[in-house]
Amino acid sequence: GEGGDKLTKKKLGEIKDKTISLDGEDRSRSQDVPAKRKAL
């Protein structure tokens, strides 16, 4: 699939529920810190 819906070749019974997932996540969290001296 796409957008976090990729299926591996595991048995169907081992497929994890991926319905609770978020889009647009920034794992580095660099966007949590606004740029200095510049309005957002």
All heavy atoms as atom14 arrays in JSON, in Angstrom:
{
  "sequence": "GEGGDKLTKKKLGEIKDKTISLDGEDRSRSQDVPAKRKAL",
  "atom14_mask": [
    [1, 1, 1, 1, 0, 0, 0, 0, 0, 0, 0, 0, 0, 0],
    [1, 1, 1, 1, 1, 1, 1, 1, 1, 0, 0, 0, 0, 0],
    [1, 1, 1, 1, 0, 0, 0, 0, 0, 0, 0, 0, 0, 0],
    [1, 1, 1, 1, 0, 0, 0, 0, 0, 0, 0, 0, 0, 0],
    [1, 1, 1, 1, 1, 1, 1, 1, 0, 0, 0, 0, 0, 0],
    [1, 1, 1, 1, 1, 1, 1, 1, 1, 0, 0, 0, 0, 0],
    [1, 1, 1, 1, 1, 1, 1, 1, 0, 0, 0, 0, 0, 0],
    [1, 1, 1, 1, 1, 1, 1, 0, 0, 0, 0, 0, 0, 0],
    [1, 1, 1, 1, 1, 1, 1, 1, 1, 0, 0, 0, 0, 0],
    [1, 1, 1, 1, 1, 1, 1, 1, 1, 0, 0, 0, 0, 0],
    [1, 1, 1, 1, 1, 1, 1, 1, 1, 0, 0, 0, 0, 0],
    [1, 1, 1, 1, 1, 1, 1, 1, 0, 0, 0, 0, 0, 0],
    [1, 1, 1, 1, 0, 0, 0, 0, 0, 0, 0, 0, 0, 0],
    [1, 1, 1, 1, 1, 1, 1, 1, 1, 0, 0, 0, 0, 0],
    [1, 1, 1, 1, 1, 1, 1, 1, 0, 0, 0, 0, 0, 0],
    [1, 1, 1, 1, 1, 1, 1, 1, 1, 0, 0, 0, 0, 0],
    [1, 1, 1, 1, 1, 1, 1, 1, 0, 0, 0, 0, 0, 0],
    [1, 1, 1, 1, 1, 1, 1, 1, 1, 0, 0, 0, 0, 0],
    [1, 1, 1, 1, 1, 1, 1, 0, 0, 0, 0, 0, 0, 0],
    [1, 1, 1, 1, 1, 1, 1, 1, 0, 0, 0, 0, 0, 0],
    [1, 1, 1, 1, 1, 1, 0, 0, 0, 0, 0, 0, 0, 0],
    [1, 1, 1, 1, 1, 1, 1, 1, 0, 0, 0, 0, 0, 0],
    [1, 1, 1, 1, 1, 1, 1, 1, 0, 0, 0, 0, 0, 0],
    [1, 1, 1, 1, 0, 0, 0, 0, 0, 0, 0, 0, 0, 0],
    [1, 1, 1, 1, 1, 1, 1, 1, 1, 0, 0, 0, 0, 0],
    [1, 1, 1, 1, 1, 1, 1, 1, 0, 0, 0, 0, 0, 0],
    [1, 1, 1, 1, 1, 1, 1, 1, 1, 1, 1, 0, 0, 0],
    [1, 1, 1, 1, 1, 1, 0, 0, 0, 0, 0, 0, 0, 0],
    [1, 1, 1, 1, 1, 1, 1, 1, 1, 1, 1, 0, 0, 0],
    [1, 1, 1, 1, 1, 1, 0, 0, 0, 0, 0, 0, 0, 0],
    [1, 1, 1, 1, 1, 1, 1, 1, 1, 0, 0, 0, 0, 0],
    [1, 1, 1, 1, 1, 1, 1, 1, 0, 0, 0, 0, 0, 0],
    [1, 1, 1, 1, 1, 1, 1, 0, 0, 0, 0, 0, 0, 0],
    [1, 1, 1, 1, 1, 1, 1, 0, 0, 0, 0, 0, 0, 0],
    [1, 1, 1, 1, 1, 0, 0, 0, 0, 0, 0, 0, 0, 0],
    [1, 1, 1, 1, 1, 1, 1, 1, 1, 0, 0, 0, 0, 0],
    [1, 1, 1, 1, 1, 1, 1, 1, 1, 1, 1, 0, 0, 0],
    [1, 1, 1, 1, 1, 1, 1, 1, 1, 0, 0, 0, 0, 0],
    [1, 1, 1, 1, 1, 0, 0, 0, 0, 0, 0, 0, 0, 0],
    [1, 1, 1, 1, 1, 1, 1, 1, 0, 0, 0, 0, 0, 0]
  ],
  "atom14_positions": [
    [[0.83, -1.21, 0.0], [0.0, 0.0, 0.0], [0.85, 1.24, 0.0], [2.03, 1.22, -0.3], [0.0, 0.0, 0.0], [0.0, 0.0, 0.0], [0.0, 0.0, 0.0], [0.0, 0.0, 0.0], [0.0, 0.0, 0.0], [0.0, 0.0, 0.0], [0.0, 0.0, 0.0], [0.0, 0.0, 0.0], [0.0, 0.0, 0.0], [0.0, 0.0, 0.0]],
    [[0.26, 2.34, 0.38], [0.99, 3.59, 0.43], [0.6, 4.31, 1.69], [-0.41, 4.03, 2.32], [0.67, 4.44, -0.79], [-0.8, 4.78, -0.94], [-1.09, 5.5, -2.22], [-1.16, 4.82, -3.24], [-1.23, 6.72, -2.18], [0.0, 0.0, 0.0], [0.0, 0.0, 0.0], [0.0, 0.0, 0.0], [0.0, 0.0, 0.0], [0.0, 0.0, 0.0]],
    [[1.41, 5.27, 2.08], [1.09, 6.08, 3.24], [1.03, 5.28, 4.52], [0.13, 5.45, 5.32], [0.0, 0.0, 0.0], [0.0, 0.0, 0.0], [0.0, 0.0, 0.0], [0.0, 0.0, 0.0], [0.0, 0.0, 0.0], [0.0, 0.0, 0.0], [0.0, 0.0, 0.0], [0.0, 0.0, 0.0], [0.0, 0.0, 0.0], [0.0, 0.0, 0.0]],
    [[1.99, 4.38, 4.75], [2.01, 3.61, 5.98], [1.2, 2.34, 5.92], [1.0, 1.69, 6.93], [0.0, 0.0, 0.0], [0.0, 0.0, 0.0], [0.0, 0.0, 0.0], [0.0, 0.0, 0.0], [0.0, 0.0, 0.0], [0.0, 0.0, 0.0], [0.0, 0.0, 0.0], [0.0, 0.0, 0.0], [0.0, 0.0, 0.0], [0.0, 0.0, 0.0]],
    [[0.74, 1.92, 4.73], [-0.08, 0.72, 4.61], [0.68, -0.44, 3.98], [0.08, -1.36, 3.47], [-1.32, 1.01, 3.76], [-2.26, 1.92, 4.51], [-2.48, 1.66, 5.69], [-2.74, 2.88, 3.9], [0.0, 0.0, 0.0], [0.0, 0.0, 0.0], [0.0, 0.0, 0.0], [0.0, 0.0, 0.0], [0.0, 0.0, 0.0], [0.0, 0.0, 0.0]],
    [[1.98, -0.4, 3.99], [2.76, -1.45, 3.34], [2.57, -2.77, 4.06], [2.63, -2.87, 5.27], [4.24, -1.06, 3.35], [5.12, -2.1, 2.64], [6.56, -1.61, 2.61], [7.46, -2.63, 1.92], [8.85, -2.19, 1.9], [0.0, 0.0, 0.0], [0.0, 0.0, 0.0], [0.0, 0.0, 0.0], [0.0, 0.0, 0.0], [0.0, 0.0, 0.0]],
    [[2.35, -3.83, 3.28], [2.2, -5.18, 3.82], [3.47, -5.96, 3.58], [3.95, -6.03, 2.46], [1.03, -5.91, 3.15], [-0.36, -5.62, 3.71], [-1.39, -6.21, 2.78], [-0.5, -6.22, 5.08], [0.0, 0.0, 0.0], [0.0, 0.0, 0.0], [0.0, 0.0, 0.0], [0.0, 0.0, 0.0], [0.0, 0.0, 0.0], [0.0, 0.0, 0.0]],
    [[4.01, -6.59, 4.63], [5.18, -7.46, 4.46], [4.7, -8.83, 4.06], [3.51, -9.08, 3.93], [5.97, -7.53, 5.77], [5.16, -8.21, 6.72], [6.33, -6.15, 6.27], [0.0, 0.0, 0.0], [0.0, 0.0, 0.0], [0.0, 0.0, 0.0], [0.0, 0.0, 0.0], [0.0, 0.0, 0.0], [0.0, 0.0, 0.0], [0.0, 0.0, 0.0]],
    [[5.64, -9.78, 3.91], [5.28, -11.15, 3.53], [5.06, -12.01, 4.76], [5.14, -13.21, 4.69], [6.37, -11.75, 2.65], [6.5, -11.04, 1.31], [7.51, -11.72, 0.43], [7.61, -11.04, -0.93], [8.6, -11.66, -1.79], [0.0, 0.0, 0.0], [0.0, 0.0, 0.0], [0.0, 0.0, 0.0], [0.0, 0.0, 0.0], [0.0, 0.0, 0.0]],
    [[4.74, -11.37, 5.9], [4.42, -12.16, 7.08], [3.07, -12.81, 6.89], [2.29, -12.44, 6.03], [4.38, -11.25, 8.31], [5.73, -10.65, 8.67], [5.59, -9.77, 9.9], [6.93, -9.13, 10.27], [6.82, -8.26, 11.44], [0.0, 0.0, 0.0], [0.0, 0.0, 0.0], [0.0, 0.0, 0.0], [0.0, 0.0, 0.0], [0.0, 0.0, 0.0]],
    [[2.76, -13.77, 7.75], [1.45, -14.37, 7.72], [0.4, -13.31, 8.02], [0.64, -12.38, 8.76], [1.34, -15.49, 8.74], [2.26, -16.67, 8.46], [2.13, -17.72, 9.53], [3.06, -18.9, 9.27], [2.97, -19.9, 10.33], [0.0, 0.0, 0.0], [0.0, 0.0, 0.0], [0.0, 0.0, 0.0], [0.0, 0.0, 0.0], [0.0, 0.0, 0.0]],
    [[-0.78, -13.5, 7.45], [-1.83, -12.52, 7.66], [-2.12, -12.32, 9.14], [-2.45, -11.22, 9.56], [-3.11, -12.96, 6.94], [-3.14, -12.73, 5.44], [-4.42, -13.3, 4.87], [-3.01, -11.27, 5.11], [0.0, 0.0, 0.0], [0.0, 0.0, 0.0], [0.0, 0.0, 0.0], [0.0, 0.0, 0.0], [0.0, 0.0, 0.0], [0.0, 0.0, 0.0]],
    [[-2.02, -13.37, 9.89], [-2.3, -13.25, 11.31], [-1.31, -12.39, 12.05], [-1.56, -11.94, 13.16], [0.0, 0.0, 0.0], [0.0, 0.0, 0.0], [0.0, 0.0, 0.0], [0.0, 0.0, 0.0], [0.0, 0.0, 0.0], [0.0, 0.0, 0.0], [0.0, 0.0, 0.0], [0.0, 0.0, 0.0], [0.0, 0.0, 0.0], [0.0, 0.0, 0.0]],
    [[-0.13, -12.13, 11.44], [0.89, -11.32, 12.09], [0.86, -9.88, 11.63], [1.62, -9.05, 12.1], [2.27, -11.91, 11.8], [2.44, -13.33, 12.35], [3.76, -13.94, 11.9], [4.39, -13.39, 10.97], [4.16, -14.96, 12.47], [0.0, 0.0, 0.0], [0.0, 0.0, 0.0], [0.0, 0.0, 0.0], [0.0, 0.0, 0.0], [0.0, 0.0, 0.0]],
    [[-0.04, -9.58, 10.68], [-0.11, -8.21, 10.19], [-0.61, -7.3, 11.29], [-1.65, -7.54, 11.88], [-1.03, -8.1, 8.96], [-0.44, -8.93, 7.82], [-1.21, -6.67, 8.54], [-1.31, -8.96, 6.59], [0.0, 0.0, 0.0], [0.0, 0.0, 0.0], [0.0, 0.0, 0.0], [0.0, 0.0, 0.0], [0.0, 0.0, 0.0], [0.0, 0.0, 0.0]],
    [[0.11, -6.25, 11.6], [-0.27, -5.34, 12.66], [-1.32, -4.37, 12.16], [-1.37, -4.03, 11.0], [0.94, -4.58, 13.18], [1.98, -5.48, 13.84], [3.14, -4.67, 14.35], [4.17, -5.57, 15.03], [5.32, -4.8, 15.51], [0.0, 0.0, 0.0], [0.0, 0.0, 0.0], [0.0, 0.0, 0.0], [0.0, 0.0, 0.0], [0.0, 0.0, 0.0]],
    [[-2.18, -3.9, 13.09], [-3.2, -2.93, 12.75], [-2.54, -1.58, 12.58], [-1.98, -1.02, 13.5], [-4.24, -2.85, 13.86], [-5.35, -1.87, 13.54], [-5.33, -1.33, 12.42], [-6.21, -1.66, 14.41], [0.0, 0.0, 0.0], [0.0, 0.0, 0.0], [0.0, 0.0, 0.0], [0.0, 0.0, 0.0], [0.0, 0.0, 0.0], [0.0, 0.0, 0.0]],
    [[-2.56, -1.06, 11.35], [-1.91, 0.21, 11.07], [-2.92, 1.34, 10.89], [-2.61, 2.37, 10.33], [-1.05, 0.08, 9.83], [0.08, -0.95, 10.02], [1.02, -0.93, 8.84], [2.17, -1.92, 9.06], [3.12, -1.91, 7.96], [0.0, 0.0, 0.0], [0.0, 0.0, 0.0], [0.0, 0.0, 0.0], [0.0, 0.0, 0.0], [0.0, 0.0, 0.0]],
    [[-4.16, 1.1, 11.37], [-5.16, 2.15, 11.18], [-4.88, 3.34, 12.09], [-5.22, 4.45, 11.75], [-6.56, 1.61, 11.47], [-6.62, 1.14, 12.82], [-6.92, 0.47, 10.52], [0.0, 0.0, 0.0], [0.0, 0.0, 0.0], [0.0, 0.0, 0.0], [0.0, 0.0, 0.0], [0.0, 0.0, 0.0], [0.0, 0.0, 0.0], [0.0, 0.0, 0.0]],
    [[-4.3, 3.1, 13.26], [-3.99, 4.2, 14.15], [-2.57, 4.69, 13.85], [-1.59, 4.26, 14.41], [-4.1, 3.78, 15.63], [-5.46, 3.16, 15.89], [-3.86, 4.95, 16.54], [-6.61, 4.1, 15.63], [0.0, 0.0, 0.0], [0.0, 0.0, 0.0], [0.0, 0.0, 0.0], [0.0, 0.0, 0.0], [0.0, 0.0, 0.0], [0.0, 0.0, 0.0]],
    [[-2.45, 5.57, 12.92], [-1.16, 6.11, 12.54], [-1.36, 7.54, 12.1], [-2.46, 7.96, 11.77], [-0.53, 5.29, 11.42], [-1.37, 5.26, 10.3], [0.0, 0.0, 0.0], [0.0, 0.0, 0.0], [0.0, 0.0, 0.0], [0.0, 0.0, 0.0], [0.0, 0.0, 0.0], [0.0, 0.0, 0.0], [0.0, 0.0, 0.0], [0.0, 0.0, 0.0]],
    [[-0.3, 8.29, 12.12], [-0.37, 9.72, 11.81], [0.38, 10.02, 10.54], [1.37, 9.38, 10.2], [0.25, 10.52, 12.97], [-0.43, 10.32, 14.33], [0.37, 11.03, 15.4], [-1.85, 10.84, 14.29], [0.0, 0.0, 0.0], [0.0, 0.0, 0.0], [0.0, 0.0, 0.0], [0.0, 0.0, 0.0], [0.0, 0.0, 0.0], [0.0, 0.0, 0.0]],
    [[-0.11, 11.02, 9.83], [0.56, 11.47, 8.62], [1.26, 12.79, 8.9], [0.87, 13.56, 9.77], [-0.46, 11.68, 7.49], [-0.94, 10.35, 6.94], [-0.28, 9.34, 7.22], [-1.96, 10.35, 6.24], [0.0, 0.0, 0.0], [0.0, 0.0, 0.0], [0.0, 0.0, 0.0], [0.0, 0.0, 0.0], [0.0, 0.0, 0.0], [0.0, 0.0, 0.0]],
    [[2.31, 13.0, 8.13], [3.02, 14.26, 8.24], [3.88, 14.36, 9.48], [4.2, 15.45, 9.94], [0.0, 0.0, 0.0], [0.0, 0.0, 0.0], [0.0, 0.0, 0.0], [0.0, 0.0, 0.0], [0.0, 0.0, 0.0], [0.0, 0.0, 0.0], [0.0, 0.0, 0.0], [0.0, 0.0, 0.0], [0.0, 0.0, 0.0], [0.0, 0.0, 0.0]],
    [[4.26, 13.23, 10.09], [5.08, 13.28, 11.29], [6.52, 13.64, 10.94], [7.07, 13.17, 9.96], [5.08, 11.93, 12.0], [3.77, 11.62, 12.71], [3.93, 10.44, 13.63], [3.74, 9.31, 13.17], [4.27, 10.66, 14.8], [0.0, 0.0, 0.0], [0.0, 0.0, 0.0], [0.0, 0.0, 0.0], [0.0, 0.0, 0.0], [0.0, 0.0, 0.0]],
    [[7.12, 14.44, 11.77], [8.55, 14.79, 11.64], [9.27, 14.16, 12.8], [9.26, 14.68, 13.91], [8.74, 16.31, 11.64], [10.18, 16.73, 11.39], [11.04, 15.84, 11.38], [10.42, 17.93, 11.22], [0.0, 0.0, 0.0], [0.0, 0.0, 0.0], [0.0, 0.0, 0.0], [0.0, 0.0, 0.0], [0.0, 0.0, 0.0], [0.0, 0.0, 0.0]],
    [[9.86, 13.0, 12.57], [10.49, 12.24, 13.66], [11.67, 12.99, 14.28], [12.01, 12.78, 15.42], [10.96, 10.89, 13.14], [9.8, 9.96, 12.73], [8.99, 9.56, 13.93], [7.93, 8.62, 13.55], [7.03, 8.14, 14.38], [7.02, 8.54, 15.63], [6.1, 7.31, 13.96], [0.0, 0.0, 0.0], [0.0, 0.0, 0.0], [0.0, 0.0, 0.0]],
    [[12.31, 13.84, 13.49], [13.45, 14.58, 14.04], [13.0, 15.7, 14.97], [13.77, 16.23, 15.75], [14.28, 15.19, 12.9], [13.55, 16.22, 12.27], [0.0, 0.0, 0.0], [0.0, 0.0, 0.0], [0.0, 0.0, 0.0], [0.0, 0.0, 0.0], [0.0, 0.0, 0.0], [0.0, 0.0, 0.0], [0.0, 0.0, 0.0], [0.0, 0.0, 0.0]],
    [[11.7, 16.08, 14.88], [11.12, 17.14, 15.7], [11.8, 18.48, 15.49], [11.67, 19.38, 16.31], [11.15, 16.76, 17.18], [10.47, 15.42, 17.48], [10.26, 15.24, 18.95], [9.74, 13.9, 19.21], [9.41, 13.46, 20.42], [9.53, 14.25, 21.46], [8.96, 12.24, 20.56], [0.0, 0.0, 0.0], [0.0, 0.0, 0.0], [0.0, 0.0, 0.0]],
    [[12.52, 18.62, 14.39], [13.2, 19.88, 14.15], [12.21, 21.01, 13.96], [12.5, 22.16, 14.24], [14.11, 19.76, 12.92], [13.34, 19.45, 11.78], [0.0, 0.0, 0.0], [0.0, 0.0, 0.0], [0.0, 0.0, 0.0], [0.0, 0.0, 0.0], [0.0, 0.0, 0.0], [0.0, 0.0, 0.0], [0.0, 0.0, 0.0], [0.0, 0.0, 0.0]],
    [[10.96, 20.64, 13.51], [9.99, 21.69, 13.28], [9.35, 22.17, 14.57], [8.6, 23.13, 14.58], [8.91, 21.19, 12.32], [9.44, 20.91, 10.93], [8.33, 20.53, 9.98], [7.19, 20.91, 10.16], [8.68, 19.78, 8.96], [0.0, 0.0, 0.0], [0.0, 0.0, 0.0], [0.0, 0.0, 0.0], [0.0, 0.0, 0.0], [0.0, 0.0, 0.0]],
    [[9.61, 21.46, 15.7], [9.05, 21.9, 16.97], [9.7, 23.2, 17.44], [9.16, 23.89, 18.29], [9.26, 20.82, 18.04], [8.38, 19.61, 17.77], [7.45, 19.74, 16.95], [8.62, 18.55, 18.37], [0.0, 0.0, 0.0], [0.0, 0.0, 0.0], [0.0, 0.0, 0.0], [0.0, 0.0, 0.0], [0.0, 0.0, 0.0], [0.0, 0.0, 0.0]],
    [[10.91, 23.49, 16.93], [11.63, 24.7, 17.35], [11.53, 25.74, 16.25], [12.06, 25.54, 15.16], [13.11, 24.37, 17.63], [13.83, 25.61, 18.11], [13.22, 23.25, 18.65], [0.0, 0.0, 0.0], [0.0, 0.0, 0.0], [0.0, 0.0, 0.0], [0.0, 0.0, 0.0], [0.0, 0.0, 0.0], [0.0, 0.0, 0.0], [0.0, 0.0, 0.0]],
    [[10.82, 26.8, 16.48], [10.68, 27.82, 15.43], [12.0, 28.5, 15.13], [12.89, 28.62, 15.99], [9.67, 28.79, 16.03], [9.78, 28.6, 17.51], [10.14, 27.17, 17.73], [0.0, 0.0, 0.0], [0.0, 0.0, 0.0], [0.0, 0.0, 0.0], [0.0, 0.0, 0.0], [0.0, 0.0, 0.0], [0.0, 0.0, 0.0], [0.0, 0.0, 0.0]],
    [[12.13, 28.9, 13.89], [13.35, 29.61, 13.5], [13.47, 30.92, 14.28], [12.5, 31.64, 14.47], [13.33, 29.91, 12.01], [0.0, 0.0, 0.0], [0.0, 0.0, 0.0], [0.0, 0.0, 0.0], [0.0, 0.0, 0.0], [0.0, 0.0, 0.0], [0.0, 0.0, 0.0], [0.0, 0.0, 0.0], [0.0, 0.0, 0.0], [0.0, 0.0, 0.0]],
    [[14.67, 31.23, 14.77], [14.92, 32.45, 15.54], [14.85, 33.68, 14.65], [15.2, 33.64, 13.49], [16.29, 32.38, 16.22], [16.38, 31.27, 17.28], [17.74, 31.27, 17.94], [17.82, 30.19, 19.02], [19.14, 30.18, 19.68], [0.0, 0.0, 0.0], [0.0, 0.0, 0.0], [0.0, 0.0, 0.0], [0.0, 0.0, 0.0], [0.0, 0.0, 0.0]],
    [[14.39, 34.77, 15.27], [14.35, 36.1, 14.65], [13.53, 36.11, 13.36], [13.75, 36.93, 12.5], [15.76, 36.6, 14.36], [16.69, 36.69, 15.59], [18.01, 37.33, 15.22], [18.94, 37.3, 16.31], [19.79, 36.29, 16.53], [19.79, 35.26, 15.69], [20.62, 36.32, 17.54], [0.0, 0.0, 0.0], [0.0, 0.0, 0.0], [0.0, 0.0, 0.0]],
    [[12.59, 35.06, 13.21], [11.78, 35.04, 12.0], [10.36, 34.61, 12.36], [10.16, 33.57, 12.98], [12.36, 34.06, 10.98], [11.59, 34.04, 9.65], [12.23, 33.07, 8.69], [11.45, 33.03, 7.37], [12.05, 32.07, 6.42], [0.0, 0.0, 0.0], [0.0, 0.0, 0.0], [0.0, 0.0, 0.0], [0.0, 0.0, 0.0], [0.0, 0.0, 0.0]],
    [[9.39, 35.4, 12.0], [7.99, 35.09, 12.3], [7.55, 33.89, 11.47], [7.96, 33.73, 10.31], [7.11, 36.29, 11.99], [0.0, 0.0, 0.0], [0.0, 0.0, 0.0], [0.0, 0.0, 0.0], [0.0, 0.0, 0.0], [0.0, 0.0, 0.0], [0.0, 0.0, 0.0], [0.0, 0.0, 0.0], [0.0, 0.0, 0.0], [0.0, 0.0, 0.0]],
    [[6.73, 33.05, 12.09], [6.23, 31.88, 11.39], [5.11, 32.27, 10.44], [4.28, 33.11, 10.75], [5.69, 30.85, 12.39], [6.69, 30.25, 13.38], [5.97, 29.32, 14.35], [7.77, 29.47, 12.64], [0.0, 0.0, 0.0], [0.0, 0.0, 0.0], [0.0, 0.0, 0.0], [0.0, 0.0, 0.0], [0.0, 0.0, 0.0], [0.0, 0.0, 0.0]]
  ]
}
